[in-house]
Amino acid sequence: MATDDDLDEAALVASAKAGSQGAFDHLIGRHAPRLLSLARRLLGSAADAEDAVQNALASAWLGLHRFEDGKPLGPWLTTITVNKCRDALRRQRFARLLSRRKDEPELLIADTAPGQEREIAGRQLLERVEREIARLPASLREPFILVTFDGRSQSEAAQILGMSEKAVETRIYRARARLKEKFAER
């Protein structure tokens, strides 16, 4: 019997296009962890990321007939996921505008166990880095996350985001400069 590794992506895509939910499930099993990680970084929330990826995968299933045979599936799924994250961010901004409430900072309660100070400091730094990345404008945040965390090349990120490779390079440089500036302030 064939394992997941034995099944060729192109064959799975063809099977899924023919209506095989099982083939689509195999494909999703290969890509979902990376898509969830990407969405988590773009949205800053695990719950929002799960919703965005679920919406992206539903859209992928419904739009699979438009997927061009012979192309890799990963960038196509990544593009759909990025677009669903953008939609979620737009809805969040709209909801904040309607509620006119400012986000309250999350309170951290320190563990008093010996040796935990270092872990807490590291966790706080990581949370600060995530907050600062989340505060970057989407035009800088998206290419930065795709290349830095999702492991995409600048060329792949350019294709996914529909911009030139030079634009991706420039935006990553600007994102890094802004983050460096934020951390130099303290």
Protein backbone atom coordinates (compact mmCIF):
# COMPACT_ATOMS: atom_id res chain seq x y z
CA MET A 1 0.00 0.00 0.00
CA ALA A 2 1.28 3.50 -0.85
CA THR A 3 2.25 5.86 1.93
CA ASP A 4 1.88 9.63 1.93
CA ASP A 5 5.48 9.96 0.82
CA ASP A 6 4.89 7.62 -2.14
CA LEU A 7 1.98 9.67 -3.43
CA ASP A 8 3.02 12.31 -5.90
CA GLU A 9 1.61 15.80 -5.29
CA ALA A 10 0.49 16.14 -8.91
CA ALA A 11 -1.40 12.85 -8.69
CA LEU A 12 -3.03 13.93 -5.44
CA VAL A 13 -4.04 17.25 -6.98
CA ALA A 14 -5.53 15.46 -10.00
CA SER A 15 -7.41 13.11 -7.69
CA ALA A 16 -8.65 15.99 -5.56
CA LYS A 17 -9.79 17.85 -8.68
CA ALA A 18 -11.76 14.75 -9.62
CA GLY A 19 -13.54 15.04 -6.27
CA SER A 20 -11.47 12.87 -3.93
CA GLN A 21 -11.74 14.35 -0.45
CA GLY A 22 -9.11 11.83 0.73
CA ALA A 23 -6.54 13.13 -1.77
CA PHE A 24 -7.27 16.69 -0.71
CA ASP A 25 -6.88 15.65 2.95
CA HIS A 26 -3.44 14.17 2.15
CA LEU A 27 -2.41 17.43 0.48
CA ILE A 28 -3.68 19.51 3.38
CA GLY A 29 -1.89 17.26 5.87
CA ARG A 30 1.36 18.18 4.17
CA HIS A 31 0.75 21.95 4.11
CA ALA A 32 -1.50 22.78 7.08
CA PRO A 33 1.19 23.06 9.81
CA ARG A 34 3.17 25.58 7.77
CA LEU A 35 0.03 27.53 6.87
CA LEU A 36 -1.04 27.66 10.53
CA SER A 37 2.39 28.94 11.55
CA LEU A 38 2.28 31.61 8.87
CA ALA A 39 -1.25 32.71 9.80
CA ARG A 40 -0.35 32.80 13.51
CA ARG A 41 2.50 35.16 12.76
CA LEU A 42 0.42 37.36 10.49
CA LEU A 43 -2.56 37.57 12.85
CA GLY A 44 -0.92 37.25 16.26
CA SER A 45 -3.60 34.90 17.55
CA ALA A 46 -3.81 31.12 17.37
CA ALA A 47 -7.62 31.15 17.26
CA ASP A 48 -7.72 33.75 14.46
CA ALA A 49 -5.02 31.79 12.60
CA GLU A 50 -7.04 28.59 12.80
CA ASP A 51 -10.10 30.38 11.45
CA ALA A 52 -8.13 31.98 8.62
CA VAL A 53 -6.50 28.69 7.60
CA GLN A 54 -9.83 26.87 7.77
CA ASN A 55 -11.34 29.53 5.49
CA ALA A 56 -8.32 29.32 3.18
CA LEU A 57 -8.57 25.55 2.90
CA ALA A 58 -12.31 25.74 2.24
CA SER A 59 -11.62 28.28 -0.50
CA ALA A 60 -8.86 26.07 -1.89
CA TRP A 61 -11.22 23.08 -2.03
CA LEU A 62 -13.91 25.12 -3.76
CA GLY A 63 -11.41 26.73 -6.15
CA LEU A 64 -9.28 23.67 -6.85
CA HIS A 65 -10.62 23.51 -10.41
CA ARG A 66 -8.82 26.84 -11.04
CA PHE A 67 -5.46 25.52 -9.82
CA GLU A 68 -3.04 25.25 -12.71
CA ASP A 69 -1.73 21.70 -13.20
CA GLY A 70 2.02 21.30 -12.98
CA LYS A 71 2.52 24.16 -10.53
CA PRO A 72 3.51 23.56 -6.90
CA LEU A 73 0.56 23.62 -4.55
CA GLY A 74 2.37 25.26 -1.60
CA PRO A 75 2.63 28.80 -3.03
CA TRP A 76 -1.00 28.68 -4.18
CA LEU A 77 -2.20 27.67 -0.71
CA THR A 78 0.09 30.28 0.86
CA THR A 79 -1.40 33.02 -1.33
CA ILE A 80 -4.93 32.02 -0.35
CA THR A 81 -3.93 31.93 3.33
CA VAL A 82 -2.27 35.37 3.19
CA ASN A 83 -5.41 36.77 1.57
CA LYS A 84 -7.64 35.24 4.26
CA CYS A 85 -5.34 36.74 6.92
CA ARG A 86 -5.67 40.13 5.24
CA ASP A 87 -9.45 39.75 5.33
CA ALA A 88 -9.32 38.87 9.04
CA LEU A 89 -7.14 41.90 9.78
CA ARG A 90 -9.57 44.16 7.90
CA ARG A 91 -12.46 42.78 9.96
CA GLN A 92 -10.47 43.33 13.17
CA ARG A 93 -9.72 46.94 12.24
CA PHE A 94 -13.37 47.53 11.41
CA ALA A 95 -14.50 45.99 14.70
CA ARG A 96 -12.02 48.18 16.63
CA LEU A 97 -13.28 51.23 14.78
CA LEU A 98 -16.87 50.42 15.73
CA SER A 99 -16.08 49.62 19.35
CA ARG A 100 -13.70 52.58 19.74
CA ARG A 101 -11.91 50.65 22.46
CA LYS A 102 -8.18 50.59 22.75
CA ASP A 103 -6.47 47.25 23.18
CA GLU A 104 -5.50 46.69 26.77
CA PRO A 105 -2.02 45.30 27.32
CA GLU A 106 -1.88 41.73 28.47
CA LEU A 107 -0.84 41.33 32.09
CA LEU A 108 1.89 38.82 32.82
CA ILE A 109 1.96 37.06 36.15
CA ALA A 110 5.43 35.95 37.07
CA ASP A 111 6.11 32.47 38.36
CA THR A 112 7.93 32.74 41.68
CA ALA A 113 9.64 29.35 41.36
CA PRO A 114 13.45 29.56 41.47
CA GLY A 115 15.13 29.73 38.06
CA GLN A 116 12.03 30.93 36.27
CA GLU A 117 13.12 34.56 35.96
CA ARG A 118 15.17 33.85 32.86
CA GLU A 119 12.35 31.91 31.20
CA ILE A 120 9.88 34.68 31.97
CA ALA A 121 12.23 37.34 30.61
CA GLY A 122 12.67 35.31 27.44
CA ARG A 123 8.94 34.83 27.09
CA GLN A 124 8.34 38.56 27.61
CA LEU A 125 10.96 39.41 25.01
CA LEU A 126 9.40 36.97 22.54
CA GLU A 127 5.96 38.47 23.16
CA ARG A 128 7.38 41.95 22.63
CA VAL A 129 8.99 40.87 19.37
CA GLU A 130 5.68 39.37 18.22
CA ARG A 131 3.81 42.57 19.18
CA GLU A 132 6.30 44.74 17.31
CA ILE A 133 6.07 42.53 14.22
CA ALA A 134 2.26 42.70 14.45
CA ARG A 135 2.48 46.51 14.57
CA LEU A 136 4.38 46.68 11.29
CA PRO A 137 2.23 47.79 8.37
CA ALA A 138 0.94 44.81 6.37
CA SER A 139 3.03 45.90 3.39
CA LEU A 140 6.18 45.30 5.47
CA ARG A 141 4.93 42.52 7.75
CA GLU A 142 3.78 40.11 5.03
CA PRO A 143 7.05 39.85 3.06
CA PHE A 144 9.06 39.85 6.31
CA ILE A 145 7.10 36.91 7.74
CA LEU A 146 7.04 34.95 4.48
CA VAL A 147 10.82 35.14 4.11
CA THR A 148 11.98 35.19 7.73
CA PHE A 149 9.59 32.71 9.34
CA ASP A 150 7.93 30.77 6.52
CA GLY A 151 11.26 30.10 4.82
CA ARG A 152 10.21 31.42 1.43
CA SER A 153 12.74 32.87 -0.95
CA GLN A 154 12.31 36.51 -1.89
CA SER A 155 11.30 35.35 -5.35
CA GLU A 156 8.57 33.08 -3.94
CA ALA A 157 7.34 35.83 -1.61
CA ALA A 158 7.21 38.24 -4.56
CA GLN A 159 5.10 35.78 -6.54
CA ILE A 160 2.76 35.09 -3.60
CA LEU A 161 2.28 38.79 -2.83
CA GLY A 162 2.10 39.91 -6.47
CA MET A 163 5.03 42.30 -6.37
CA SER A 164 8.56 42.49 -7.69
CA GLU A 165 11.44 40.72 -6.01
CA LYS A 166 13.13 44.09 -5.44
CA ALA A 167 9.99 45.38 -3.67
CA VAL A 168 10.09 42.34 -1.36
CA GLU A 169 13.78 42.93 -0.65
CA THR A 170 13.18 46.60 0.13
CA ARG A 171 10.22 45.89 2.40
CA ILE A 172 12.13 43.26 4.35
CA TYR A 173 14.98 45.73 4.81
CA ARG A 174 12.54 48.39 6.04
CA ALA A 175 10.80 45.94 8.39
CA ARG A 176 14.12 44.91 9.91
CA ALA A 177 15.19 48.55 10.24
CA ARG A 178 11.95 49.43 12.07
CA LEU A 179 12.29 46.47 14.41
CA LYS A 180 15.93 47.32 15.10
CA GLU A 181 14.91 50.91 15.85
CA LYS A 182 12.16 49.75 18.26
CA PHE A 183 14.53 47.54 20.18
CA ALA A 184 17.27 50.17 20.26
CA GLU A 185 14.85 52.53 22.06
CA ARG A 186 14.95 50.48 25.27
